[in-house]
C-alpha atoms as a PDB file:
ATOM      1  CA  UNK A   1     -30.681 -55.589   5.672  1.00  0.00           C
ATOM      2  CA  UNK A   2     -27.532 -53.820   6.895  1.00  0.00           C
ATOM      3  CA  UNK A   3     -25.610 -57.097   7.173  1.00  0.00           C
ATOM      4  CA  UNK A   4     -26.398 -57.940   3.551  1.00  0.00           C
ATOM      5  CA  UNK A   5     -25.066 -54.608   2.300  1.00  0.00           C
ATOM      6  CA  UNK A   6     -21.620 -55.605   3.530  1.00  0.00           C
ATOM      7  CA  UNK A   7     -21.648 -59.012   1.870  1.00  0.00           C
ATOM      8  CA  UNK A   8     -19.354 -59.875  -0.988  1.00  0.00           C
ATOM      9  CA  UNK A   9     -20.648 -62.628  -3.259  1.00  0.00           C
ATOM     10  CA  UNK A  10     -18.738 -64.250  -6.097  1.00  0.00           C
ATOM     11  CA  UNK A  11     -18.877 -67.384  -8.234  1.00  0.00           C
ATOM     12  CA  UNK A  12     -15.756 -69.522  -8.587  1.00  0.00           C
ATOM     13  CA  UNK A  13     -15.711 -71.820 -11.611  1.00  0.00           C
ATOM     14  CA  UNK A  14     -14.501 -75.280 -10.565  1.00  0.00           C
ATOM     15  CA  UNK A  15     -15.039 -77.077 -13.866  1.00  0.00           C
ATOM     16  CA  UNK A  16     -16.731 -76.864 -17.252  1.00  0.00           C
ATOM     17  CA  UNK A  17     -16.449 -80.466 -18.446  1.00  0.00           C
ATOM     18  CA  UNK A  18     -19.162 -82.618 -19.966  1.00  0.00           C
ATOM     19  CA  UNK A  19     -20.246 -86.212 -19.463  1.00  0.00           C
ATOM     20  CA  UNK A  20     -17.152 -88.015 -20.752  1.00  0.00           C
ATOM     21  CA  UNK A  21     -14.548 -85.361 -19.974  1.00  0.00           C
ATOM     22  CA  UNK A  22     -13.504 -86.579 -16.540  1.00  0.00           C
ATOM     23  CA  UNK A  23     -13.546 -90.276 -17.431  1.00  0.00           C
ATOM     24  CA  UNK A  24     -11.443 -89.909 -20.580  1.00  0.00           C
ATOM     25  CA  UNK A  25      -9.478 -86.692 -19.980  1.00  0.00           C
ATOM     26  CA  UNK A  26      -9.472 -86.129 -16.216  1.00  0.00           C
ATOM     27  CA  UNK A  27     -11.298 -82.799 -16.639  1.00  0.00           C
ATOM     28  CA  UNK A  28     -13.591 -81.656 -13.831  1.00  0.00           C
ATOM     29  CA  UNK A  29     -17.301 -81.800 -14.541  1.00  0.00           C
ATOM     30  CA  UNK A  30     -19.339 -78.596 -14.731  1.00  0.00           C
ATOM     31  CA  UNK A  31     -19.502 -77.130 -11.232  1.00  0.00           C
ATOM     32  CA  UNK A  32     -19.633 -73.710  -9.593  1.00  0.00           C
ATOM     33  CA  UNK A  33     -18.806 -72.585  -6.065  1.00  0.00           C
ATOM     34  CA  UNK A  34     -20.699 -69.651  -4.612  1.00  0.00           C
ATOM     35  CA  UNK A  35     -18.480 -67.701  -2.210  1.00  0.00           C
ATOM     36  CA  UNK A  36     -19.883 -65.415   0.490  1.00  0.00           C
ATOM     37  CA  UNK A  37     -17.297 -63.021   1.877  1.00  0.00           C
ATOM     38  CA  UNK A  38     -14.663 -65.226   0.180  1.00  0.00           C
ATOM     39  CA  UNK A  39     -15.797 -68.346   2.077  1.00  0.00           C
ATOM     40  CA  UNK A  40     -17.455 -71.403   0.460  1.00  0.00           C
ATOM     41  CA  UNK A  41     -21.190 -70.911   0.829  1.00  0.00           C
ATOM     42  CA  UNK A  42     -22.895 -73.121  -1.738  1.00  0.00           C
ATOM     43  CA  UNK A  43     -21.657 -75.750  -4.205  1.00  0.00           C
ATOM     44  CA  UNK A  44     -23.567 -76.024  -7.471  1.00  0.00           C
ATOM     45  CA  UNK A  45     -23.497 -79.601  -8.766  1.00  0.00           C
ATOM     46  CA  UNK A  46     -21.229 -82.407  -7.623  1.00  0.00           C
ATOM     47  CA  UNK A  47     -20.208 -84.367 -10.700  1.00  0.00           C
ATOM     48  CA  UNK A  48     -16.981 -86.296 -11.299  1.00  0.00           C
ATOM     49  CA  UNK A  49     -13.794 -84.470 -10.352  1.00  0.00           C
ATOM     50  CA  UNK A  50     -15.430 -81.755  -8.239  1.00  0.00           C
ATOM     51  CA  UNK A  51     -14.035 -82.695  -4.818  1.00  0.00           C
ATOM     52  CA  UNK A  52     -10.513 -82.870  -6.253  1.00  0.00           C
ATOM     53  CA  UNK A  53     -11.030 -79.462  -7.890  1.00  0.00           C
ATOM     54  CA  UNK A  54     -12.167 -77.996  -4.566  1.00  0.00           C
ATOM     55  CA  UNK A  55      -8.987 -79.286  -2.937  1.00  0.00           C
ATOM     56  CA  UNK A  56      -6.832 -78.063  -5.841  1.00  0.00           C
ATOM     57  CA  UNK A  57      -8.090 -74.515  -5.399  1.00  0.00           C
ATOM     58  CA  UNK A  58      -7.860 -74.641  -1.594  1.00  0.00           C
ATOM     59  CA  UNK A  59     -11.548 -74.812  -0.763  1.00  0.00           C
ATOM     60  CA  UNK A  60     -13.471 -77.004   1.680  1.00  0.00           C
ATOM     61  CA  UNK A  61     -16.913 -78.398   0.984  1.00  0.00           C
ATOM     62  CA  UNK A  62     -19.561 -75.781   1.833  1.00  0.00           C
ATOM     63  CA  UNK A  63     -22.606 -76.702   3.938  1.00  0.00           C
ATOM     64  CA  UNK A  64     -25.032 -76.237   1.011  1.00  0.00           C
ATOM     65  CA  UNK A  65     -24.932 -78.395  -2.138  1.00  0.00           C
ATOM     66  CA  UNK A  66     -27.377 -77.691  -4.978  1.00  0.00           C
ATOM     67  CA  UNK A  67     -27.949 -80.543  -7.431  1.00  0.00           C
ATOM     68  CA  UNK A  68     -29.678 -79.734 -10.722  1.00  0.00           C
ATOM     69  CA  UNK A  69     -30.188 -83.279 -12.011  1.00  0.00           C
ATOM     70  CA  UNK A  70     -29.179 -86.926 -11.810  1.00  0.00           C
ATOM     71  CA  UNK A  71     -26.653 -87.131 -14.643  1.00  0.00           C
ATOM     72  CA  UNK A  72     -23.182 -88.337 -13.620  1.00  0.00           C
ATOM     73  CA  UNK A  73     -21.441 -85.093 -14.573  1.00  0.00           C
ATOM     74  CA  UNK A  74     -23.727 -83.215 -12.173  1.00  0.00           C
ATOM     75  CA  UNK A  75     -24.210 -85.648  -9.278  1.00  0.00           C
ATOM     76  CA  UNK A  76     -21.749 -88.524  -9.768  1.00  0.00           C
ATOM     77  CA  UNK A  77     -19.704 -87.895  -6.595  1.00  0.00           C
ATOM     78  CA  UNK A  78     -22.746 -87.404  -4.364  1.00  0.00           C
ATOM     79  CA  UNK A  79     -22.949 -90.971  -2.922  1.00  0.00           C
ATOM     80  CA  UNK A  80     -19.291 -91.139  -1.878  1.00  0.00           C
ATOM     81  CA  UNK A  81     -19.192 -87.576  -0.557  1.00  0.00           C
ATOM     82  CA  UNK A  82     -22.320 -87.939   1.574  1.00  0.00           C
ATOM     83  CA  UNK A  83     -21.117 -91.238   3.046  1.00  0.00           C
ATOM     84  CA  UNK A  84     -17.628 -89.919   3.847  1.00  0.00           C
ATOM     85  CA  UNK A  85     -18.820 -86.581   5.234  1.00  0.00           C
ATOM     86  CA  UNK A  86     -21.485 -88.267   7.364  1.00  0.00           C
ATOM     87  CA  UNK A  87     -18.788 -90.495   8.866  1.00  0.00           C
ATOM     88  CA  UNK A  88     -16.899 -87.294   9.709  1.00  0.00           C
ATOM     89  CA  UNK A  89     -20.050 -85.996  11.442  1.00  0.00           C
ATOM     90  CA  UNK A  90     -20.513 -83.430   8.671  1.00  0.00           C
ATOM     91  CA  UNK A  91     -24.087 -83.848   7.442  1.00  0.00           C
ATOM     92  CA  UNK A  92     -24.359 -81.793   4.259  1.00  0.00           C
ATOM     93  CA  UNK A  93     -27.534 -80.057   3.116  1.00  0.00           C
ATOM     94  CA  UNK A  94     -28.516 -81.282  -0.358  1.00  0.00           C
ATOM     95  CA  UNK A  95     -30.806 -78.827  -2.124  1.00  0.00           C
ATOM     96  CA  UNK A  96     -32.827 -79.876  -5.164  1.00  0.00           C
ATOM     97  CA  UNK A  97     -36.239 -79.545  -6.747  1.00  0.00           C
ATOM     98  CA  UNK A  98     -38.469 -82.104  -5.034  1.00  0.00           C
ATOM     99  CA  UNK A  99     -38.746 -84.576  -7.931  1.00  0.00           C
ATOM    100  CA  UNK A 100     -35.010 -84.378  -8.632  1.00  0.00           C
ATOM    101  CA  UNK A 101     -34.304 -84.994  -4.947  1.00  0.00           C
ATOM    102  CA  UNK A 102     -36.486 -88.098  -5.052  1.00  0.00           C
ATOM    103  CA  UNK A 103     -34.570 -89.395  -8.068  1.00  0.00           C
ATOM    104  CA  UNK A 104     -31.254 -88.725  -6.391  1.00  0.00           C
ATOM    105  CA  UNK A 105     -32.270 -90.577  -3.233  1.00  0.00           C
ATOM    106  CA  UNK A 106     -33.766 -93.591  -5.018  1.00  0.00           C
ATOM    107  CA  UNK A 107     -31.370 -93.920  -7.975  1.00  0.00           C
ATOM    108  CA  UNK A 108     -28.101 -92.035  -7.428  1.00  0.00           C
ATOM    109  CA  UNK A 109     -27.833 -93.138  -3.796  1.00  0.00           C
ATOM    110  CA  UNK A 110     -28.923 -96.742  -4.429  1.00  0.00           C
ATOM    111  CA  UNK A 111     -25.418 -98.115  -3.860  1.00  0.00           C
ATOM    112  CA  UNK A 112     -25.751 -97.293  -0.153  1.00  0.00           C
ATOM    113  CA  UNK A 113     -29.379 -98.328   0.359  1.00  0.00           C
ATOM    114  CA  UNK A 114     -28.557-101.748   1.847  1.00  0.00           C
ATOM    115  CA  UNK A 115     -26.025-100.492   4.379  1.00  0.00           C
ATOM    116  CA  UNK A 116     -27.432 -97.200   5.698  1.00  0.00           C
ATOM    117  CA  UNK A 117     -30.481 -94.986   5.836  1.00  0.00           C
ATOM    118  CA  UNK A 118     -30.221 -92.625   2.858  1.00  0.00           C
ATOM    119  CA  UNK A 119     -32.345 -90.023   4.640  1.00  0.00           C
ATOM    120  CA  UNK A 120     -29.817 -89.798   7.459  1.00  0.00           C
ATOM    121  CA  UNK A 121     -26.788 -89.199   5.227  1.00  0.00           C
ATOM    122  CA  UNK A 122     -27.815 -85.627   4.436  1.00  0.00           C
ATOM    123  CA  UNK A 123     -30.382 -82.950   5.080  1.00  0.00           C
ATOM    124  CA  UNK A 124     -32.495 -83.299   1.943  1.00  0.00           C
ATOM    125  CA  UNK A 125     -34.033 -79.867   1.364  1.00  0.00           C
ATOM    126  CA  UNK A 126     -36.540 -79.545  -1.473  1.00  0.00           C
ATOM    127  CA  UNK A 127     -38.930 -77.121  -3.108  1.00  0.00           C
ATOM    128  CA  UNK A 128     -41.530 -77.179  -5.843  1.00  0.00           C
ATOM    129  CA  UNK A 129     -40.878 -75.302  -9.058  1.00  0.00           C
ATOM    130  CA  UNK A 130     -40.993 -71.549  -8.476  1.00  0.00           C
ATOM    131  CA  UNK A 131     -41.081 -71.761  -4.672  1.00  0.00           C
ATOM    132  CA  UNK A 132     -38.546 -69.978  -2.490  1.00  0.00           C
ATOM    133  CA  UNK A 133     -35.880 -72.186  -0.960  1.00  0.00           C
ATOM    134  CA  UNK A 134     -33.600 -70.296   1.413  1.00  0.00           C
ATOM    135  CA  UNK A 135     -29.842 -70.839   1.348  1.00  0.00           C
ATOM    136  CA  UNK A 136     -29.696 -68.816   4.553  1.00  0.00           C
ATOM    137  CA  UNK A 137     -31.791 -65.981   6.007  1.00  0.00           C
ATOM    138  CA  UNK A 138     -30.559 -63.498   3.387  1.00  0.00           C
ATOM    139  CA  UNK A 139     -30.434 -65.489   0.127  1.00  0.00           C
ATOM    140  CA  UNK A 140     -32.799 -67.868  -1.593  1.00  0.00           C
ATOM    141  CA  UNK A 141     -33.336 -69.570  -4.934  1.00  0.00           C
ATOM    142  CA  UNK A 142     -36.219 -70.591  -7.169  1.00  0.00           C
ATOM    143  CA  UNK A 143     -36.065 -73.683  -9.385  1.00  0.00           C
ATOM    144  CA  UNK A 144     -37.359 -73.727 -12.987  1.00  0.00           C
ATOM    145  CA  UNK A 145     -37.649 -76.791 -15.185  1.00  0.00           C
ATOM    146  CA  UNK A 146     -35.081 -77.008 -17.960  1.00  0.00           C
ATOM    147  CA  UNK A 147     -35.449 -78.875 -21.256  1.00  0.00           C
ATOM    148  CA  UNK A 148     -33.208 -81.901 -20.951  1.00  0.00           C
ATOM    149  CA  UNK A 149     -33.090 -85.669 -21.442  1.00  0.00           C
ATOM    150  CA  UNK A 150     -33.081 -86.158 -17.646  1.00  0.00           C
ATOM    151  CA  UNK A 151     -35.412 -84.292 -15.299  1.00  0.00           C
ATOM    152  CA  UNK A 152     -33.424 -81.102 -14.693  1.00  0.00           C
ATOM    153  CA  UNK A 153     -34.015 -77.751 -13.000  1.00  0.00           C
ATOM    154  CA  UNK A 154     -32.067 -74.552 -13.390  1.00  0.00           C
ATOM    155  CA  UNK A 155     -32.538 -71.775 -10.866  1.00  0.00           C
ATOM    156  CA  UNK A 156     -32.300 -68.091 -10.004  1.00  0.00           C
ATOM    157  CA  UNK A 157     -30.561 -66.930  -6.804  1.00  0.00           C
ATOM    158  CA  UNK A 158     -32.057 -63.895  -5.060  1.00  0.00           C
ATOM    159  CA  UNK A 159     -31.011 -61.576  -2.274  1.00  0.00           C
ATOM    160  CA  UNK A 160     -33.696 -60.875   0.311  1.00  0.00           C
ATOM    161  CA  UNK A 161     -34.889 -57.284   0.072  1.00  0.00           C
ATOM    162  CA  UNK A 162     -37.817 -55.015   0.816  1.00  0.00           C
ATOM    163  CA  UNK A 163     -39.175 -55.953  -2.615  1.00  0.00           C
ATOM    164  CA  UNK A 164     -41.657 -58.811  -2.477  1.00  0.00           C
ATOM    165  CA  UNK A 165     -39.697 -60.928  -4.958  1.00  0.00           C
ATOM    166  CA  UNK A 166     -36.245 -59.919  -3.739  1.00  0.00           C
ATOM    167  CA  UNK A 167     -33.311 -58.925  -5.905  1.00  0.00           C
ATOM    168  CA  UNK A 168     -32.229 -61.492  -8.548  1.00  0.00           C
ATOM    169  CA  UNK A 169     -28.450 -61.920  -8.569  1.00  0.00           C
ATOM    170  CA  UNK A 170     -27.674 -64.669 -11.077  1.00  0.00           C
ATOM    171  CA  UNK A 171     -29.205 -67.641 -12.834  1.00  0.00           C
ATOM    172  CA  UNK A 172     -27.862 -71.028 -13.858  1.00  0.00           C
ATOM    173  CA  UNK A 173     -29.571 -73.018 -16.592  1.00  0.00           C
ATOM    174  CA  UNK A 174     -27.883 -76.354 -15.791  1.00  0.00           C
ATOM    175  CA  UNK A 175     -28.220 -78.516 -18.944  1.00  0.00           C
ATOM    176  CA  UNK A 176     -31.028 -77.349 -21.200  1.00  0.00           C
ATOM    177  CA  UNK A 177     -32.150 -77.064 -24.765  1.00  0.00           C
ATOM    178  CA  UNK A 178     -33.618 -73.732 -25.752  1.00  0.00           C
ATOM    179  CA  UNK A 179     -37.101 -73.298 -24.334  1.00  0.00           C
ATOM    180  CA  UNK A 180     -38.554 -69.775 -24.382  1.00  0.00           C
ATOM    181  CA  UNK A 181     -40.616 -70.180 -21.221  1.00  0.00           C
ATOM    182  CA  UNK A 182     -37.620 -71.475 -19.257  1.00  0.00           C
ATOM    183  CA  UNK A 183     -35.320 -68.732 -20.536  1.00  0.00           C
ATOM    184  CA  UNK A 184     -37.951 -66.104 -19.753  1.00  0.00           C
ATOM    185  CA  UNK A 185     -38.065 -67.384 -16.163  1.00  0.00           C
ATOM    186  CA  UNK A 186     -34.320 -67.273 -15.562  1.00  0.00           C
ATOM    187  CA  UNK A 187     -33.617 -64.120 -17.570  1.00  0.00           C
ATOM    188  CA  UNK A 188     -34.879 -61.960 -14.679  1.00  0.00           C
ATOM    189  CA  UNK A 189     -31.295 -62.191 -13.387  1.00  0.00           C
ATOM    190  CA  UNK A 190     -28.668 -59.706 -14.602  1.00  0.00           C
ATOM    191  CA  UNK A 191     -26.049 -62.456 -14.923  1.00  0.00           C
ATOM    192  CA  UNK A 192     -26.754 -65.761 -16.661  1.00  0.00           C
ATOM    193  CA  UNK A 193     -24.609 -68.896 -16.686  1.00  0.00           C
ATOM    194  CA  UNK A 194     -25.881 -71.076 -19.502  1.00  0.00           C
ATOM    195  CA  UNK A 195     -25.210 -74.458 -21.024  1.00  0.00           C
ATOM    196  CA  UNK A 196     -24.697 -74.053 -24.768  1.00  0.00           C
ATOM    197  CA  UNK A 197     -23.084 -75.802 -27.718  1.00  0.00           C
ATOM    198  CA  UNK A 198     -21.922 -74.570 -31.091  1.00  0.00           C
ATOM    199  CA  UNK A 199     -24.702 -76.567 -32.707  1.00  0.00           C
ATOM    200  CA  UNK A 200     -27.752 -76.779 -30.464  1.00  0.00           C
ATOM    201  CA  UNK A 201     -30.019 -79.797 -30.120  1.00  0.00           C
ATOM    202  CA  UNK A 202     -33.081 -80.828 -28.114  1.00  0.00           C
ATOM    203  CA  UNK A 203     -31.116 -81.123 -24.868  1.00  0.00           C
ATOM    204  CA  UNK A 204     -28.462 -78.382 -25.189  1.00  0.00           C
ATOM    205  CA  UNK A 205     -29.074 -74.860 -26.486  1.00  0.00           C
ATOM    206  CA  UNK A 206     -27.054 -73.493 -29.392  1.00  0.00           C
ATOM    207  CA  UNK A 207     -24.809 -70.427 -29.321  1.00  0.00           C
ATOM    208  CA  UNK A 208     -27.097 -68.668 -31.790  1.00  0.00           C
ATOM    209  CA  UNK A 209     -30.115 -69.217 -29.501  1.00  0.00           C
ATOM    210  CA  UNK A 210     -28.567 -67.933 -26.283  1.00  0.00           C
ATOM    211  CA  UNK A 211     -26.782 -65.042 -28.004  1.00  0.00           C
ATOM    212  CA  UNK A 212     -30.188 -63.363 -28.319  1.00  0.00           C
ATOM    213  CA  UNK A 213     -30.268 -62.820 -24.544  1.00  0.00           C
ATOM    214  CA  UNK A 214     -28.487 -59.491 -24.787  1.00  0.00           C
ATOM    215  CA  UNK A 215     -30.298 -57.846 -21.867  1.00  0.00           C
ATOM    216  CA  UNK A 216     -28.221 -59.892 -19.424  1.00  0.00           C
ATOM    217  CA  UNK A 217     -24.536 -60.583 -18.971  1.00  0.00           C
ATOM    218  CA  UNK A 218     -24.174 -64.086 -20.409  1.00  0.00           C
ATOM    219  CA  UNK A 219     -21.485 -66.647 -19.592  1.00  0.00           C
ATOM    220  CA  UNK A 220     -21.334 -70.037 -21.268  1.00  0.00           C
ATOM    221  CA  UNK A 221     -20.289 -73.479 -20.101  1.00  0.00           C
ATOM    222  CA  UNK A 222     -19.147 -74.752 -23.484  1.00  0.00           C
ATOM    223  CA  UNK A 223     -17.858 -78.253 -22.638  1.00  0.00           C
ATOM    224  CA  UNK A 224     -14.550 -77.975 -24.472  1.00  0.00           C
ATOM    225  CA  UNK A 225     -15.272 -75.200 -26.956  1.00  0.00           C
ATOM    226  CA  UNK A 226     -12.662 -72.421 -26.948  1.00  0.00           C
ATOM    227  CA  UNK A 227     -13.404 -68.697 -27.110  1.00  0.00           C
ATOM    228  CA  UNK A 228     -11.847 -68.401 -30.564  1.00  0.00           C
ATOM    229  CA  UNK A 229     -14.365 -70.948 -31.846  1.00  0.00           C
ATOM    230  CA  UNK A 230     -17.217 -68.478 -31.308  1.00  0.00           C
ATOM    231  CA  UNK A 231     -18.156 -66.502 -34.414  1.00  0.00           C
ATOM    232  CA  UNK A 232     -18.039 -62.705 -34.576  1.00  0.00           C
ATOM    233  CA  UNK A 233     -21.844 -62.618 -34.429  1.00  0.00           C
ATOM    234  CA  UNK A 234     -21.676 -64.212 -30.983  1.00  0.00           C
ATOM    235  CA  UNK A 235     -18.846 -62.182 -29.441  1.00  0.00           C
ATOM    236  CA  UNK A 236     -21.035 -61.131 -26.505  1.00  0.00           C
ATOM    237  CA  UNK A 237     -20.869 -64.730 -25.264  1.00  0.00           C
ATOM    238  CA  UNK A 238     -18.032 -65.410 -22.835  1.00  0.00           C
ATOM    239  CA  UNK A 239     -16.889 -68.985 -22.277  1.00  0.00           C
ATOM    240  CA  UNK A 240     -16.119 -69.850 -18.673  1.00  0.00           C
ATOM    241  CA  UNK A 241     -12.835 -71.494 -17.702  1.00  0.00           C
ATOM    242  CA  UNK A 242     -11.796 -73.354 -14.539  1.00  0.00           C
ATOM    243  CA  UNK A 243     -10.440 -70.997 -11.909  1.00  0.00           C
ATOM    244  CA  UNK A 244     -12.374 -68.002 -13.244  1.00  0.00           C
ATOM    245  CA  UNK A 245     -14.157 -65.766 -10.722  1.00  0.00           C
ATOM    246  CA  UNK A 246     -17.367 -63.811 -11.401  1.00  0.00           C
ATOM    247  CA  UNK A 247     -18.117 -61.001  -8.960  1.00  0.00           C
ATOM    248  CA  UNK A 248     -21.806 -60.473  -8.170  1.00  0.00           C
ATOM    249  CA  UNK A 249     -23.117 -56.964  -7.729  1.00  0.00           C
ATOM    250  CA  UNK A 250     -25.266 -56.418  -4.629  1.00  0.00           C
END
């Protein structure tokens, strides 16, 4: 465990855009970059505009790419990136819950199915809900099903420790309506990054619903909402912005 004690982990916010934001406004889709000792370690979602955002901030693609679901703003660049990187002899590891991975390979990657073997374009690494999936020997995640129009899984990232379940570091809801069971699962983490809208609906939680999670430090991907738009009753919610860095306590 000594090597872990010296690690520095942080989350770099690449984008906070929604489904139409990149197409109509050129705004990067919602994506996060996990940095380990200031080096790209794991990319979280690869929607439209993400590769350009990586380049803009001076980062290279990390070896691990987590995909939460098959909506364009979370996986839209995956086919092109995997094809280009494979041609460069850089076979990325695509991490997803097993059913999401199947959907990505059969639907998102369909444009390449006639010209190459989809299985060979990446290392497709999967897990069932709640199972450990290791990012490396020291860190792992567990997927939990979100409440969304497309099959979607948020997750909790853990640090390996002497404790049987490890030490939860942060959780990401991906896109989800408010579901108590799901929020109970991910709220074990001290830092939560949540999808939320001013007015919640079946597929996206509302500010009032997530503001109740006061036992954790909560950050919101608000898809265009500004901090001043949040009411005084919800001041504990912090809206993420591109370029922002969240330091993780180990």
